[in-house]
PDB file of all heavy atoms in Angstrom:
ATOM      1  N   GLY A   1      99.053  86.617 107.830  1.00  0.00           N
ATOM      2  CA  GLY A   1      98.865  87.008 106.441  1.00  0.00           C
ATOM      3  C   GLY A   1      98.666  85.786 105.574  1.00  0.00           C
ATOM      4  O   GLY A   1      99.626  85.244 105.032  1.00  0.00           O
ATOM      5  N   LEU A   2      97.434  85.332 105.436  1.00  0.00           N
ATOM      6  CA  LEU A   2      97.169  84.117 104.666  1.00  0.00           C
ATOM      7  C   LEU A   2      97.206  84.415 103.175  1.00  0.00           C
ATOM      8  O   LEU A   2      96.653  85.419 102.721  1.00  0.00           O
ATOM      9  CB  LEU A   2      95.789  83.556 105.029  1.00  0.00           C
ATOM     10  CG  LEU A   2      95.644  83.049 106.459  1.00  0.00           C
ATOM     11  CD1 LEU A   2      94.195  82.699 106.735  1.00  0.00           C
ATOM     12  CD2 LEU A   2      96.522  81.832 106.675  1.00  0.00           C
ATOM     13  N   PRO A   3      97.850  83.580 102.387  1.00  0.00           N
ATOM     14  CA  PRO A   3      97.816  83.792 100.940  1.00  0.00           C
ATOM     15  C   PRO A   3      96.402  83.598 100.413  1.00  0.00           C
ATOM     16  O   PRO A   3      95.722  82.646 100.760  1.00  0.00           O
ATOM     17  CB  PRO A   3      98.764  82.714 100.406  1.00  0.00           C
ATOM     18  CG  PRO A   3      98.768  81.666 101.458  1.00  0.00           C
ATOM     19  CD  PRO A   3      98.602  82.381 102.762  1.00  0.00           C
ATOM     20  N   ALA A   4      95.951  84.512  99.609  1.00  0.00           N
ATOM     21  CA  ALA A   4      94.584  84.431  99.107  1.00  0.00           C
ATOM     22  C   ALA A   4      94.483  85.107  97.753  1.00  0.00           C
ATOM     23  O   ALA A   4      95.273  85.983  97.417  1.00  0.00           O
ATOM     24  CB  ALA A   4      93.597  85.070 100.085  1.00  0.00           C
ATOM     25  N   ARG A   5      93.497  84.668  96.971  1.00  0.00           N
ATOM     26  CA  ARG A   5      93.182  85.330  95.720  1.00  0.00           C
ATOM     27  C   ARG A   5      91.759  85.839  95.863  1.00  0.00           C
ATOM     28  O   ARG A   5      90.794  85.092  95.801  1.00  0.00           O
ATOM     29  CB  ARG A   5      93.289  84.342  94.557  1.00  0.00           C
ATOM     30  CG  ARG A   5      93.043  85.004  93.205  1.00  0.00           C
ATOM     31  CD  ARG A   5      93.273  84.030  92.036  1.00  0.00           C
ATOM     32  NE  ARG A   5      92.165  83.101  91.858  1.00  0.00           N
ATOM     33  CZ  ARG A   5      92.265  81.807  92.140  1.00  0.00           C
ATOM     34  NH1 ARG A   5      93.382  81.308  92.615  1.00  0.00           N
ATOM     35  NH2 ARG A   5      91.232  80.996  91.949  1.00  0.00           N
ATOM     36  N   ASP A   6      91.624  87.125  96.141  1.00  0.00           N
ATOM     37  CA  ASP A   6      90.323  87.706  96.441  1.00  0.00           C
ATOM     38  C   ASP A   6      89.746  88.361  95.189  1.00  0.00           C
ATOM     39  O   ASP A   6      90.376  89.223  94.575  1.00  0.00           O
ATOM     40  CB  ASP A   6      90.433  88.748  97.557  1.00  0.00           C
ATOM     41  CG  ASP A   6      90.999  88.136  98.838  1.00  0.00           C
ATOM     42  OD1 ASP A   6      90.526  87.062  99.216  1.00  0.00           O
ATOM     43  OD2 ASP A   6      91.899  88.745  99.424  1.00  0.00           O
ATOM     44  N   ILE A   7      88.545  87.950  94.815  1.00  0.00           N
ATOM     45  CA  ILE A   7      87.893  88.482  93.628  1.00  0.00           C
ATOM     46  C   ILE A   7      86.555  89.072  94.067  1.00  0.00           C
ATOM     47  O   ILE A   7      85.590  88.346  94.299  1.00  0.00           O
ATOM     48  CB  ILE A   7      87.670  87.382  92.578  1.00  0.00           C
ATOM     49  CG1 ILE A   7      88.974  86.627  92.319  1.00  0.00           C
ATOM     50  CG2 ILE A   7      87.116  87.952  91.285  1.00  0.00           C
ATOM     51  CD1 ILE A   7      88.795  85.387  91.499  1.00  0.00           C
ATOM     52  N   GLY A   8      86.486  90.361  94.236  1.00  0.00           N
ATOM     53  CA  GLY A   8      85.246  90.997  94.631  1.00  0.00           C
ATOM     54  C   GLY A   8      85.020  91.003  96.134  1.00  0.00           C
ATOM     55  O   GLY A   8      84.377  91.897  96.654  1.00  0.00           O
ATOM     56  N   VAL A   9      85.519  90.029  96.868  1.00  0.00           N
ATOM     57  CA  VAL A   9      85.375  89.957  98.323  1.00  0.00           C
ATOM     58  C   VAL A   9      86.772  89.935  98.913  1.00  0.00           C
ATOM     59  O   VAL A   9      87.584  89.089  98.562  1.00  0.00           O
ATOM     60  CB  VAL A   9      84.593  88.700  98.758  1.00  0.00           C
ATOM     61  CG1 VAL A   9      84.495  88.633 100.269  1.00  0.00           C
ATOM     62  CG2 VAL A   9      83.207  88.699  98.141  1.00  0.00           C
ATOM     63  N   ALA A  10      87.059  90.864  99.807  1.00  0.00           N
ATOM     64  CA  ALA A  10      88.399  90.966 100.392  1.00  0.00           C
ATOM     65  C   ALA A  10      88.295  90.909 101.907  1.00  0.00           C
ATOM     66  O   ALA A  10      88.218  91.934 102.570  1.00  0.00           O
ATOM     67  CB  ALA A  10      89.078  92.268  99.956  1.00  0.00           C
ATOM     68  N   PRO A  11      88.238  89.707 102.494  1.00  0.00           N
ATOM     69  CA  PRO A  11      88.122  89.607 103.949  1.00  0.00           C
ATOM     70  C   PRO A  11      89.417  89.996 104.637  1.00  0.00           C
ATOM     71  O   PRO A  11      90.504  89.914 104.071  1.00  0.00           O
ATOM     72  CB  PRO A  11      87.804  88.124 104.171  1.00  0.00           C
ATOM     73  CG  PRO A  11      88.425  87.437 103.001  1.00  0.00           C
ATOM     74  CD  PRO A  11      88.298  88.386 101.856  1.00  0.00           C
ATOM     75  N   SER A  12      89.281  90.411 105.897  1.00  0.00           N
ATOM     76  CA  SER A  12      90.448  90.713 106.721  1.00  0.00           C
ATOM     77  C   SER A  12      91.124  89.415 107.128  1.00  0.00           C
ATOM     78  O   SER A  12      90.564  88.330 106.949  1.00  0.00           O
ATOM     79  CB  SER A  12      89.996  91.480 107.965  1.00  0.00           C
ATOM     80  OG  SER A  12      89.152  90.652 108.754  1.00  0.00           O
ATOM     81  N   PRO A  13      92.350  89.482 107.693  1.00  0.00           N
ATOM     82  CA  PRO A  13      92.976  88.240 108.202  1.00  0.00           C
ATOM     83  C   PRO A  13      92.094  87.501 109.202  1.00  0.00           C
ATOM     84  O   PRO A  13      92.008  86.271 109.166  1.00  0.00           O
ATOM     85  CB  PRO A  13      94.270  88.748 108.843  1.00  0.00           C
ATOM     86  CG  PRO A  13      94.602  89.989 108.067  1.00  0.00           C
ATOM     87  CD  PRO A  13      93.279  90.620 107.743  1.00  0.00           C
ATOM     88  N   ASP A  14      91.408  88.248 110.088  1.00  0.00           N
ATOM     89  CA  ASP A  14      90.483  87.593 111.024  1.00  0.00           C
ATOM     90  C   ASP A  14      89.316  86.964 110.280  1.00  0.00           C
ATOM     91  O   ASP A  14      88.821  85.894 110.653  1.00  0.00           O
ATOM     92  CB  ASP A  14      89.970  88.606 112.042  1.00  0.00           C
ATOM     93  CG  ASP A  14      91.030  89.001 113.054  1.00  0.00           C
ATOM     94  OD1 ASP A  14      92.015  88.246 113.198  1.00  0.00           O
ATOM     95  OD2 ASP A  14      90.885  90.070 113.682  1.00  0.00           O
ATOM     96  N   GLY A  15      88.867  87.633 109.213  1.00  0.00           N
ATOM     97  CA  GLY A  15      87.784  87.084 108.420  1.00  0.00           C
ATOM     98  C   GLY A  15      88.182  85.800 107.727  1.00  0.00           C
ATOM     99  O   GLY A  15      87.383  84.869 107.604  1.00  0.00           O
ATOM    100  N   LYS A  16      89.424  85.736 107.270  1.00  0.00           N
ATOM    101  CA  LYS A  16      89.902  84.510 106.623  1.00  0.00           C
ATOM    102  C   LYS A  16      89.977  83.360 107.616  1.00  0.00           C
ATOM    103  O   LYS A  16      89.612  82.220 107.300  1.00  0.00           O
ATOM    104  CB  LYS A  16      91.264  84.759 105.990  1.00  0.00           C
ATOM    105  CG  LYS A  16      91.204  85.692 104.785  1.00  0.00           C
ATOM    106  CD  LYS A  16      92.588  85.956 104.216  1.00  0.00           C
ATOM    107  CE  LYS A  16      92.505  86.906 103.012  1.00  0.00           C
ATOM    108  NZ  LYS A  16      93.812  87.241 102.453  1.00  0.00           N
ATOM    109  N   ARG A  17      90.450  83.659 108.832  1.00  0.00           N
ATOM    110  CA  ARG A  17      90.485  82.603 109.858  1.00  0.00           C
ATOM    111  C   ARG A  17      89.072  82.120 110.167  1.00  0.00           C
ATOM    112  O   ARG A  17      88.830  80.919 110.338  1.00  0.00           O
ATOM    113  CB  ARG A  17      91.149  83.131 111.125  1.00  0.00           C
ATOM    114  CG  ARG A  17      92.639  83.382 111.007  1.00  0.00           C
ATOM    115  CD  ARG A  17      93.260  83.543 112.386  1.00  0.00           C
ATOM    116  NE  ARG A  17      94.640  83.992 112.299  1.00  0.00           N
ATOM    117  CZ  ARG A  17      95.035  85.250 112.374  1.00  0.00           C
ATOM    118  NH1 ARG A  17      94.134  86.205 112.548  1.00  0.00           N
ATOM    119  NH2 ARG A  17      96.303  85.573 112.279  1.00  0.00           N
ATOM    120  N   SER A  18      88.136  83.061 110.284  1.00  0.00           N
ATOM    121  CA  SER A  18      86.757  82.690 110.580  1.00  0.00           C
ATOM    122  C   SER A  18      86.171  81.831 109.462  1.00  0.00           C
ATOM    123  O   SER A  18      85.466  80.846 109.713  1.00  0.00           O
ATOM    124  CB  SER A  18      85.919  83.956 110.774  1.00  0.00           C
ATOM    125  OG  SER A  18      84.594  83.642 111.118  1.00  0.00           O
ATOM    126  N   MET A  19      86.503  82.179 108.224  1.00  0.00           N
ATOM    127  CA  MET A  19      86.020  81.403 107.086  1.00  0.00           C
ATOM    128  C   MET A  19      86.626  80.002 107.086  1.00  0.00           C
ATOM    129  O   MET A  19      85.947  79.009 106.775  1.00  0.00           O
ATOM    130  CB  MET A  19      86.372  82.143 105.798  1.00  0.00           C
ATOM    131  CG  MET A  19      85.816  81.524 104.529  1.00  0.00           C
ATOM    132  SD  MET A  19      86.110  82.640 103.127  1.00  0.00           S
ATOM    133  CE  MET A  19      85.802  81.539 101.754  1.00  0.00           C
ATOM    134  N   MET A  20      87.899  79.892 107.462  1.00  0.00           N
ATOM    135  CA  MET A  20      88.552  78.585 107.529  1.00  0.00           C
ATOM    136  C   MET A  20      87.932  77.725 108.621  1.00  0.00           C
ATOM    137  O   MET A  20      87.755  76.517 108.459  1.00  0.00           O
ATOM    138  CB  MET A  20      90.050  78.755 107.758  1.00  0.00           C
ATOM    139  CG  MET A  20      90.798  79.359 106.582  1.00  0.00           C
ATOM    140  SD  MET A  20      92.569  79.530 106.887  1.00  0.00           S
ATOM    141  CE  MET A  20      93.084  77.812 106.814  1.00  0.00           C
ATOM    142  N   LYS A  21      87.586  78.329 109.753  1.00  0.00           N
ATOM    143  CA  LYS A  21      86.965  77.574 110.838  1.00  0.00           C
ATOM    144  C   LYS A  21      85.580  77.077 110.441  1.00  0.00           C
ATOM    145  O   LYS A  21      85.189  75.954 110.782  1.00  0.00           O
ATOM    146  CB  LYS A  21      86.888  78.438 112.096  1.00  0.00           C
ATOM    147  CG  LYS A  21      88.242  78.712 112.741  1.00  0.00           C
ATOM    148  CD  LYS A  21      88.103  79.583 113.978  1.00  0.00           C
ATOM    149  CE  LYS A  21      89.461  79.847 114.618  1.00  0.00           C
ATOM    150  NZ  LYS A  21      89.348  80.745 115.797  1.00  0.00           N
ATOM    151  N   LEU A  22      84.831  77.919 109.724  1.00  0.00           N
ATOM    152  CA  LEU A  22      83.514  77.493 109.259  1.00  0.00           C
ATOM    153  C   LEU A  22      83.643  76.338 108.271  1.00  0.00           C
ATOM    154  O   LEU A  22      82.889  75.362 108.325  1.00  0.00           O
ATOM    155  CB  LEU A  22      82.783  78.671 108.609  1.00  0.00           C
ATOM    156  CG  LEU A  22      81.396  78.368 108.035  1.00  0.00           C
ATOM    157  CD1 LEU A  22      80.451  77.871 109.121  1.00  0.00           C
ATOM    158  CD2 LEU A  22      80.821  79.599 107.333  1.00  0.00           C
ATOM    159  N   ALA A  23      84.624  76.434 107.365  1.00  0.00           N
ATOM    160  CA  ALA A  23      84.839  75.354 106.397  1.00  0.00           C
ATOM    161  C   ALA A  23      85.279  74.074 107.091  1.00  0.00           C
ATOM    162  O   ALA A  23      84.871  72.970 106.698  1.00  0.00           O
ATOM    163  CB  ALA A  23      85.882  75.784 105.373  1.00  0.00           C
ATOM    164  N   GLN A  24      86.084  74.200 108.153  1.00  0.00           N
ATOM    165  CA  GLN A  24      86.515  73.010 108.886  1.00  0.00           C
ATOM    166  C   GLN A  24      85.318  72.329 109.546  1.00  0.00           C
ATOM    167  O   GLN A  24      85.196  71.097 109.521  1.00  0.00           O
ATOM    168  CB  GLN A  24      87.549  73.392 109.943  1.00  0.00           C
ATOM    169  CG  GLN A  24      88.084  72.206 110.723  1.00  0.00           C
ATOM    170  CD  GLN A  24      89.159  72.612 111.725  1.00  0.00           C
ATOM    171  OE1 GLN A  24      89.457  73.786 111.895  1.00  0.00           O
ATOM    172  NE2 GLN A  24      89.753  71.643 112.381  1.00  0.00           N
ATOM    173  N   ARG A  25      84.415  73.112 110.121  1.00  0.00           N
ATOM    174  CA  ARG A  25      83.209  72.525 110.720  1.00  0.00           C
ATOM    175  C   ARG A  25      82.345  71.868 109.652  1.00  0.00           C
ATOM    176  O   ARG A  25      81.741  70.812 109.881  1.00  0.00           O
ATOM    177  CB  ARG A  25      82.416  73.605 111.467  1.00  0.00           C
ATOM    178  CG  ARG A  25      81.124  73.098 112.073  1.00  0.00           C
ATOM    179  CD  ARG A  25      80.623  74.018 113.173  1.00  0.00           C
ATOM    180  NE  ARG A  25      80.270  75.330 112.687  1.00  0.00           N
ATOM    181  CZ  ARG A  25      79.064  75.664 112.190  1.00  0.00           C
ATOM    182  NH1 ARG A  25      78.123  74.752 112.109  1.00  0.00           N
ATOM    183  NH2 ARG A  25      78.818  76.890 111.801  1.00  0.00           N
ATOM    184  N   MET A  26      82.299  72.464 108.472  1.00  0.00           N
ATOM    185  CA  MET A  26      81.525  71.896 107.370  1.00  0.00           C
ATOM    186  C   MET A  26      82.080  70.529 106.965  1.00  0.00           C
ATOM    187  O   MET A  26      81.317  69.559 106.806  1.00  0.00           O
ATOM    188  CB  MET A  26      81.555  72.862 106.184  1.00  0.00           C
ATOM    189  CG  MET A  26      80.848  72.355 104.941  1.00  0.00           C
ATOM    190  SD  MET A  26      80.908  73.550 103.576  1.00  0.00           S
ATOM    191  CE  MET A  26      82.668  73.508 103.181  1.00  0.00           C
ATOM    192  N   VAL A  27      83.402  70.431 106.825  1.00  0.00           N
ATOM    193  CA  VAL A  27      84.018  69.163 106.431  1.00  0.00           C
ATOM    194  C   VAL A  27      83.821  68.110 107.520  1.00  0.00           C
ATOM    195  O   VAL A  27      83.509  66.946 107.235  1.00  0.00           O
ATOM    196  CB  VAL A  27      85.514  69.363 106.119  1.00  0.00           C
ATOM    197  CG1 VAL A  27      86.212  68.025 105.895  1.00  0.00           C
ATOM    198  CG2 VAL A  27      85.691  70.258 104.895  1.00  0.00           C
ATOM    199  N   THR A  28      84.005  68.509 108.778  1.00  0.00           N
ATOM    200  CA  THR A  28      83.837  67.568 109.889  1.00  0.00           C
ATOM    201  C   THR A  28      82.413  67.027 109.931  1.00  0.00           C
ATOM    202  O   THR A  28      82.187  65.822 110.126  1.00  0.00           O
ATOM    203  CB  THR A  28      84.192  68.253 111.214  1.00  0.00           C
ATOM    204  OG1 THR A  28      85.553  68.699 111.171  1.00  0.00           O
ATOM    205  CG2 THR A  28      84.017  67.302 112.384  1.00  0.00           C
TER     206      THR A  28
END
């Protein structure tokens, strides 16, 4: 259960993990 402030888009917990992994690849 990741803390999030969802405005208009409400991803699932799996969706949040996937988004975090994409952002990590972006930063790397």
